[in-house]
Amino acid sequence: MNDREFDALLQAACAREGAAELAAAGLAGRRPGRVARVVLIAAVCAVLLSLGVAALWPRLELKRTGRDSFALGVEKSGENAPAVTGITFATLPEGYAIVESHSDPEDRWAAVTIATPDPDAELTVTKYALDCGQGYKIEKVGGTVPADLDPVKQVMEEYVVLDSPDDLTLEALQKGSTVVYPAADCYYEASYVGVDLEDVCAILQNLR
């Protein structure tokens, strides 16, 4: 059962419980005590819902850290984050091939570069341990940046931050050029400028 199915089941259970309480109360709208109890039950269900999702997927955040910098990391990584042993693809579409593969000696990250049918485009996928934060620095190359342009904000807007692999859709990828999302024991970052989005979606949905 994935997190969305869990959400749906729990929400349905909350609705049934609330309806049962209202029926048992009889004209519950006129009895504040009963209404309060129904609200309490709904609140408990909401807490369980959030705990259930949090238990499956950590929460990613992308935040500004300075005038020319920002960072990506897990909001609450927990202790003893699992080591990253590499990235495995179940399959690659025709015309795609791994051209570079790198890994951290301390098993905190692994990265793969994939050539695409378009020689001017490439897909890069990086896998990070949950306790491995990634910092970014905006380098101004060639000339000055207009005073009314915020380069950090501009770059950060190219990121699509998702809550889980279940949210990897074509529509989501269309909102930027780099997608980041957590899995149960790591998180991924993938840059796909100029790459066919249907292929990107298929590749990322079959990571191991």
C-alpha atoms as a PDB file:
ATOM      1  CA  MET A   1       0.000   0.000   0.000  1.00  0.00           C
ATOM      2  CA  ASN A   2       1.444   3.358  -0.990  1.00  0.00           C
ATOM      3  CA  ASP A   3       1.047   6.608   0.945  1.00  0.00           C
ATOM      4  CA  ARG A   4      -1.828   7.869  -1.201  1.00  0.00           C
ATOM      5  CA  GLU A   5      -3.829   4.673  -0.672  1.00  0.00           C
ATOM      6  CA  PHE A   6      -3.136   4.938   3.054  1.00  0.00           C
ATOM      7  CA  ASP A   7      -4.332   8.541   3.026  1.00  0.00           C
ATOM      8  CA  ALA A   8      -7.553   7.598   1.240  1.00  0.00           C
ATOM      9  CA  LEU A   9      -8.328   4.741   3.622  1.00  0.00           C
ATOM     10  CA  LEU A  10      -7.700   6.857   6.699  1.00  0.00           C
ATOM     11  CA  GLN A  11      -9.737   9.761   5.369  1.00  0.00           C
ATOM     12  CA  ALA A  12     -12.611   7.403   4.611  1.00  0.00           C
ATOM     13  CA  ALA A  13     -12.379   5.965   8.118  1.00  0.00           C
ATOM     14  CA  CYS A  14     -12.488   9.467   9.594  1.00  0.00           C
ATOM     15  CA  ALA A  15     -15.539  10.330   7.513  1.00  0.00           C
ATOM     16  CA  ARG A  16     -17.344   7.146   8.574  1.00  0.00           C
ATOM     17  CA  GLU A  17     -16.491   7.737  12.227  1.00  0.00           C
ATOM     18  CA  GLY A  18     -17.703  11.335  12.046  1.00  0.00           C
ATOM     19  CA  ALA A  19     -20.946  10.299  10.358  1.00  0.00           C
ATOM     20  CA  ALA A  20     -21.524   7.620  12.990  1.00  0.00           C
ATOM     21  CA  GLU A  21     -21.039  10.152  15.760  1.00  0.00           C
ATOM     22  CA  LEU A  22     -23.478  12.585  14.162  1.00  0.00           C
ATOM     23  CA  ALA A  23     -26.071   9.850  13.669  1.00  0.00           C
ATOM     24  CA  ALA A  24     -25.691   8.660  17.245  1.00  0.00           C
ATOM     25  CA  ALA A  25     -26.009  12.221  18.527  1.00  0.00           C
ATOM     26  CA  GLY A  26     -29.248  12.959  16.650  1.00  0.00           C
ATOM     27  CA  LEU A  27     -29.381  16.590  15.460  1.00  0.00           C
ATOM     28  CA  ALA A  28     -25.794  16.942  16.578  1.00  0.00           C
ATOM     29  CA  GLY A  29     -25.709  20.487  15.263  1.00  0.00           C
ATOM     30  CA  ARG A  30     -27.795  21.492  18.284  1.00  0.00           C
ATOM     31  CA  ARG A  31     -25.624  19.747  20.837  1.00  0.00           C
ATOM     32  CA  PRO A  32     -22.195  21.417  21.260  1.00  0.00           C
ATOM     33  CA  GLY A  33     -20.821  18.541  23.331  1.00  0.00           C
ATOM     34  CA  ARG A  34     -21.390  16.015  20.570  1.00  0.00           C
ATOM     35  CA  VAL A  35     -20.058  18.375  17.915  1.00  0.00           C
ATOM     36  CA  ALA A  36     -16.912  18.906  19.966  1.00  0.00           C
ATOM     37  CA  ARG A  37     -16.372  15.168  20.169  1.00  0.00           C
ATOM     38  CA  VAL A  38     -16.741  14.772  16.401  1.00  0.00           C
ATOM     39  CA  VAL A  39     -14.235  17.591  15.872  1.00  0.00           C
ATOM     40  CA  LEU A  40     -11.849  15.858  18.283  1.00  0.00           C
ATOM     41  CA  ILE A  41     -12.155  12.577  16.383  1.00  0.00           C
ATOM     42  CA  ALA A  42     -11.439  14.391  13.105  1.00  0.00           C
ATOM     43  CA  ALA A  43      -8.389  16.048  14.679  1.00  0.00           C
ATOM     44  CA  VAL A  44      -7.050  12.685  15.877  1.00  0.00           C
ATOM     45  CA  CYS A  45      -7.555  11.248  12.399  1.00  0.00           C
ATOM     46  CA  ALA A  46      -5.663  14.196  10.918  1.00  0.00           C
ATOM     47  CA  VAL A  47      -2.740  13.566  13.270  1.00  0.00           C
ATOM     48  CA  LEU A  48      -2.679   9.877  12.390  1.00  0.00           C
ATOM     49  CA  LEU A  49      -2.804  10.792   8.736  1.00  0.00           C
ATOM     50  CA  SER A  50       0.211  13.061   9.019  1.00  0.00           C
ATOM     51  CA  LEU A  51       2.118  10.469  11.035  1.00  0.00           C
ATOM     52  CA  GLY A  52       1.342   7.769   8.506  1.00  0.00           C
ATOM     53  CA  VAL A  53       2.682   9.829   5.621  1.00  0.00           C
ATOM     54  CA  ALA A  54       5.706  10.998   7.599  1.00  0.00           C
ATOM     55  CA  ALA A  55       6.516   7.408   8.490  1.00  0.00           C
ATOM     56  CA  LEU A  56       6.823   6.565   4.802  1.00  0.00           C
ATOM     57  CA  TRP A  57       8.434   9.631   3.283  1.00  0.00           C
ATOM     58  CA  PRO A  58      10.804  12.208   4.780  1.00  0.00           C
ATOM     59  CA  ARG A  59      10.136  15.851   3.964  1.00  0.00           C
ATOM     60  CA  LEU A  60      12.427  17.742   1.575  1.00  0.00           C
ATOM     61  CA  GLU A  61      13.019  21.474   1.714  1.00  0.00           C
ATOM     62  CA  LEU A  62      14.728  23.905  -0.631  1.00  0.00           C
ATOM     63  CA  LYS A  63      15.714  27.092   1.151  1.00  0.00           C
ATOM     64  CA  ARG A  64      17.738  30.211   0.616  1.00  0.00           C
ATOM     65  CA  THR A  65      20.888  30.387   2.728  1.00  0.00           C
ATOM     66  CA  GLY A  66      22.451  33.678   1.616  1.00  0.00           C
ATOM     67  CA  ARG A  67      22.668  36.406  -0.995  1.00  0.00           C
ATOM     68  CA  ASP A  68      24.009  34.024  -3.640  1.00  0.00           C
ATOM     69  CA  SER A  69      23.283  30.592  -2.223  1.00  0.00           C
ATOM     70  CA  PHE A  70      20.602  28.057  -1.402  1.00  0.00           C
ATOM     71  CA  ALA A  71      20.470  24.509  -0.088  1.00  0.00           C
ATOM     72  CA  LEU A  72      18.537  21.297  -0.476  1.00  0.00           C
ATOM     73  CA  GLY A  73      18.079  18.832   2.335  1.00  0.00           C
ATOM     74  CA  VAL A  74      15.727  16.733   4.391  1.00  0.00           C
ATOM     75  CA  GLU A  75      13.856  18.744   6.991  1.00  0.00           C
ATOM     76  CA  LYS A  76      14.116  15.960   9.562  1.00  0.00           C
ATOM     77  CA  SER A  77      16.607  13.362   8.428  1.00  0.00           C
ATOM     78  CA  GLY A  78      16.618  11.291  11.594  1.00  0.00           C
ATOM     79  CA  GLU A  79      19.615   9.450  12.943  1.00  0.00           C
ATOM     80  CA  ASN A  80      21.615   6.635  11.374  1.00  0.00           C
ATOM     81  CA  ALA A  81      20.652   7.450   7.785  1.00  0.00           C
ATOM     82  CA  PRO A  82      21.256   4.447   5.487  1.00  0.00           C
ATOM     83  CA  ALA A  83      24.351   4.505   3.288  1.00  0.00           C
ATOM     84  CA  VAL A  84      23.985   5.165  -0.438  1.00  0.00           C
ATOM     85  CA  THR A  85      25.378   2.213  -2.372  1.00  0.00           C
ATOM     86  CA  GLY A  86      24.645   3.365  -5.921  1.00  0.00           C
ATOM     87  CA  ILE A  87      21.888   3.950  -8.463  1.00  0.00           C
ATOM     88  CA  THR A  88      20.346   1.132 -10.469  1.00  0.00           C
ATOM     89  CA  PHE A  89      17.934   1.597 -13.361  1.00  0.00           C
ATOM     90  CA  ALA A  90      15.392  -1.123 -14.070  1.00  0.00           C
ATOM     91  CA  THR A  91      15.532  -0.172 -17.732  1.00  0.00           C
ATOM     92  CA  LEU A  92      16.522   2.700 -20.013  1.00  0.00           C
ATOM     93  CA  PRO A  93      14.572   3.694 -23.141  1.00  0.00           C
ATOM     94  CA  GLU A  94      16.133   3.155 -26.540  1.00  0.00           C
ATOM     95  CA  GLY A  95      18.805   5.751 -27.301  1.00  0.00           C
ATOM     96  CA  TYR A  96      19.723   6.336 -23.634  1.00  0.00           C
ATOM     97  CA  ALA A  97      22.974   5.111 -22.094  1.00  0.00           C
ATOM     98  CA  ILE A  98      24.942   5.688 -18.899  1.00  0.00           C
ATOM     99  CA  VAL A  99      28.137   7.581 -19.745  1.00  0.00           C
ATOM    100  CA  GLU A 100      29.423   8.491 -16.275  1.00  0.00           C
ATOM    101  CA  SER A 101      28.950   7.098 -12.800  1.00  0.00           C
ATOM    102  CA  HIS A 102      30.436   8.467  -9.577  1.00  0.00           C
ATOM    103  CA  SER A 103      30.036   7.645  -5.906  1.00  0.00           C
ATOM    104  CA  ASP A 104      31.183   9.073  -2.611  1.00  0.00           C
ATOM    105  CA  PRO A 105      33.846   6.966  -0.798  1.00  0.00           C
ATOM    106  CA  GLU A 106      31.833   7.479   2.391  1.00  0.00           C
ATOM    107  CA  ASP A 107      28.604   6.264   0.741  1.00  0.00           C
ATOM    108  CA  ARG A 108      26.737   9.552   1.203  1.00  0.00           C
ATOM    109  CA  TRP A 109      25.893  10.125  -2.464  1.00  0.00           C
ATOM    110  CA  ALA A 110      26.050   8.566  -5.918  1.00  0.00           C
ATOM    111  CA  ALA A 111      25.628  10.243  -9.319  1.00  0.00           C
ATOM    112  CA  VAL A 112      24.934   9.049 -12.858  1.00  0.00           C
ATOM    113  CA  THR A 113      25.030  10.934 -16.157  1.00  0.00           C
ATOM    114  CA  ILE A 114      22.909   9.547 -18.984  1.00  0.00           C
ATOM    115  CA  ALA A 115      23.340  10.375 -22.664  1.00  0.00           C
ATOM    116  CA  THR A 116      20.091  10.935 -24.555  1.00  0.00           C
ATOM    117  CA  PRO A 117      19.017  10.694 -28.219  1.00  0.00           C
ATOM    118  CA  ASP A 118      19.555  14.460 -28.410  1.00  0.00           C
ATOM    119  CA  PRO A 119      23.342  15.023 -28.362  1.00  0.00           C
ATOM    120  CA  ASP A 120      22.834  18.485 -26.866  1.00  0.00           C
ATOM    121  CA  ALA A 121      20.901  17.192 -23.848  1.00  0.00           C
ATOM    122  CA  GLU A 122      21.676  14.890 -20.956  1.00  0.00           C
ATOM    123  CA  LEU A 123      20.014  13.554 -17.848  1.00  0.00           C
ATOM    124  CA  THR A 124      21.853  13.588 -14.518  1.00  0.00           C
ATOM    125  CA  VAL A 125      20.573  11.737 -11.463  1.00  0.00           C
ATOM    126  CA  THR A 126      22.062  12.065  -7.987  1.00  0.00           C
ATOM    127  CA  LYS A 127      21.073   9.998  -4.976  1.00  0.00           C
ATOM    128  CA  TYR A 128      21.764  11.390  -1.488  1.00  0.00           C
ATOM    129  CA  ALA A 129      21.719   9.890   1.980  1.00  0.00           C
ATOM    130  CA  LEU A 130      18.964  11.427   4.103  1.00  0.00           C
ATOM    131  CA  ASP A 131      21.476  13.219   6.338  1.00  0.00           C
ATOM    132  CA  CYS A 132      23.468  14.627   3.410  1.00  0.00           C
ATOM    133  CA  GLY A 133      22.504  18.244   2.718  1.00  0.00           C
ATOM    134  CA  GLN A 134      23.487  19.794  -0.627  1.00  0.00           C
ATOM    135  CA  GLY A 135      24.509  23.440  -0.864  1.00  0.00           C
ATOM    136  CA  TYR A 136      24.485  25.518  -4.043  1.00  0.00           C
ATOM    137  CA  LYS A 137      26.380  28.698  -4.927  1.00  0.00           C
ATOM    138  CA  ILE A 138      25.329  30.990  -7.769  1.00  0.00           C
ATOM    139  CA  GLU A 139      28.410  31.983  -9.731  1.00  0.00           C
ATOM    140  CA  LYS A 140      28.101  35.190 -11.757  1.00  0.00           C
ATOM    141  CA  VAL A 141      30.045  34.611 -14.949  1.00  0.00           C
ATOM    142  CA  GLY A 142      30.668  37.286 -17.583  1.00  0.00           C
ATOM    143  CA  GLY A 143      29.419  40.730 -16.721  1.00  0.00           C
ATOM    144  CA  THR A 144      27.133  41.959 -13.996  1.00  0.00           C
ATOM    145  CA  VAL A 145      23.666  40.853 -12.963  1.00  0.00           C
ATOM    146  CA  PRO A 146      20.918  43.503 -13.215  1.00  0.00           C
ATOM    147  CA  ALA A 147      20.000  44.918  -9.817  1.00  0.00           C
ATOM    148  CA  ASP A 148      16.360  43.881 -10.206  1.00  0.00           C
ATOM    149  CA  LEU A 149      17.232  40.251 -10.977  1.00  0.00           C
ATOM    150  CA  ASP A 150      17.567  37.763  -8.125  1.00  0.00           C
ATOM    151  CA  PRO A 151      19.668  34.881  -9.537  1.00  0.00           C
ATOM    152  CA  VAL A 152      19.093  32.632  -6.530  1.00  0.00           C
ATOM    153  CA  LYS A 153      15.325  32.962  -6.771  1.00  0.00           C
ATOM    154  CA  GLN A 154      15.485  32.422 -10.516  1.00  0.00           C
ATOM    155  CA  VAL A 155      17.457  29.177 -10.182  1.00  0.00           C
ATOM    156  CA  MET A 156      15.360  27.899  -7.278  1.00  0.00           C
ATOM    157  CA  GLU A 157      12.222  28.365  -9.366  1.00  0.00           C
ATOM    158  CA  GLU A 158      13.610  25.802 -11.804  1.00  0.00           C
ATOM    159  CA  TYR A 159      13.336  23.124  -9.081  1.00  0.00           C
ATOM    160  CA  VAL A 160      10.282  20.905  -8.754  1.00  0.00           C
ATOM    161  CA  VAL A 161      10.095  19.667  -5.150  1.00  0.00           C
ATOM    162  CA  LEU A 162       7.874  16.603  -4.693  1.00  0.00           C
ATOM    163  CA  ASP A 163       6.732  14.778  -1.571  1.00  0.00           C
ATOM    164  CA  SER A 164       7.346  11.226  -2.799  1.00  0.00           C
ATOM    165  CA  PRO A 165       8.096   9.123  -5.901  1.00  0.00           C
ATOM    166  CA  ASP A 166       4.341   8.695  -6.308  1.00  0.00           C
ATOM    167  CA  ASP A 167       4.168  12.362  -7.349  1.00  0.00           C
ATOM    168  CA  LEU A 168       6.450  11.862 -10.362  1.00  0.00           C
ATOM    169  CA  THR A 169       4.210  12.777 -13.278  1.00  0.00           C
ATOM    170  CA  LEU A 170       4.607  14.429 -16.644  1.00  0.00           C
ATOM    171  CA  GLU A 171       2.653  17.424 -15.382  1.00  0.00           C
ATOM    172  CA  ALA A 172       4.982  17.847 -12.396  1.00  0.00           C
ATOM    173  CA  LEU A 173       8.144  17.690 -14.514  1.00  0.00           C
ATOM    174  CA  GLN A 174       6.806  20.379 -16.852  1.00  0.00           C
ATOM    175  CA  LYS A 175       7.042  22.926 -14.017  1.00  0.00           C
ATOM    176  CA  GLY A 176      10.850  23.086 -13.979  1.00  0.00           C
ATOM    177  CA  SER A 177      14.103  21.576 -15.181  1.00  0.00           C
ATOM    178  CA  THR A 178      15.303  19.845 -12.004  1.00  0.00           C
ATOM    179  CA  VAL A 179      13.188  17.552  -9.851  1.00  0.00           C
ATOM    180  CA  VAL A 180      13.936  16.529  -6.265  1.00  0.00           C
ATOM    181  CA  TYR A 181      12.000  14.013  -4.210  1.00  0.00           C
ATOM    182  CA  PRO A 182      12.503  11.730  -1.203  1.00  0.00           C
ATOM    183  CA  ALA A 183      12.273   7.979  -1.124  1.00  0.00           C
ATOM    184  CA  ALA A 184      11.948   5.847   2.000  1.00  0.00           C
ATOM    185  CA  ASP A 185      15.682   5.825   2.785  1.00  0.00           C
ATOM    186  CA  CYS A 186      17.293   8.494   0.532  1.00  0.00           C
ATOM    187  CA  TYR A 187      16.432  11.411  -1.726  1.00  0.00           C
ATOM    188  CA  TYR A 188      17.001  12.054  -5.428  1.00  0.00           C
ATOM    189  CA  GLU A 189      17.841  15.043  -7.589  1.00  0.00           C
ATOM    190  CA  ALA A 190      17.505  14.825 -11.370  1.00  0.00           C
ATOM    191  CA  SER A 191      18.313  17.492 -13.970  1.00  0.00           C
ATOM    192  CA  TYR A 192      16.686  16.999 -17.370  1.00  0.00           C
ATOM    193  CA  VAL A 193      17.144  20.130 -19.503  1.00  0.00           C
ATOM    194  CA  GLY A 194      16.185  19.368 -23.101  1.00  0.00           C
ATOM    195  CA  VAL A 195      15.289  15.716 -22.378  1.00  0.00           C
ATOM    196  CA  ASP A 196      11.988  14.164 -23.439  1.00  0.00           C
ATOM    197  CA  LEU A 197       9.812  14.412 -20.329  1.00  0.00           C
ATOM    198  CA  GLU A 198       7.952  11.146 -20.918  1.00  0.00           C
ATOM    199  CA  ASP A 199      11.291   9.332 -20.999  1.00  0.00           C
ATOM    200  CA  VAL A 200      12.480  11.184 -17.875  1.00  0.00           C
ATOM    201  CA  CYS A 201       9.328  10.155 -16.035  1.00  0.00           C
ATOM    202  CA  ALA A 202       9.692   6.523 -17.083  1.00  0.00           C
ATOM    203  CA  ILE A 203      13.368   6.393 -16.082  1.00  0.00           C
ATOM    204  CA  LEU A 204      12.872   7.984 -12.664  1.00  0.00           C
ATOM    205  CA  GLN A 205       9.862   5.816 -11.863  1.00  0.00           C
ATOM    206  CA  ASN A 206      12.062   2.732 -12.321  1.00  0.00           C
ATOM    207  CA  LEU A 207      15.012   3.662 -10.141  1.00  0.00           C
ATOM    208  CA  ARG A 208      16.316   1.089  -7.690  1.00  0.00           C
END
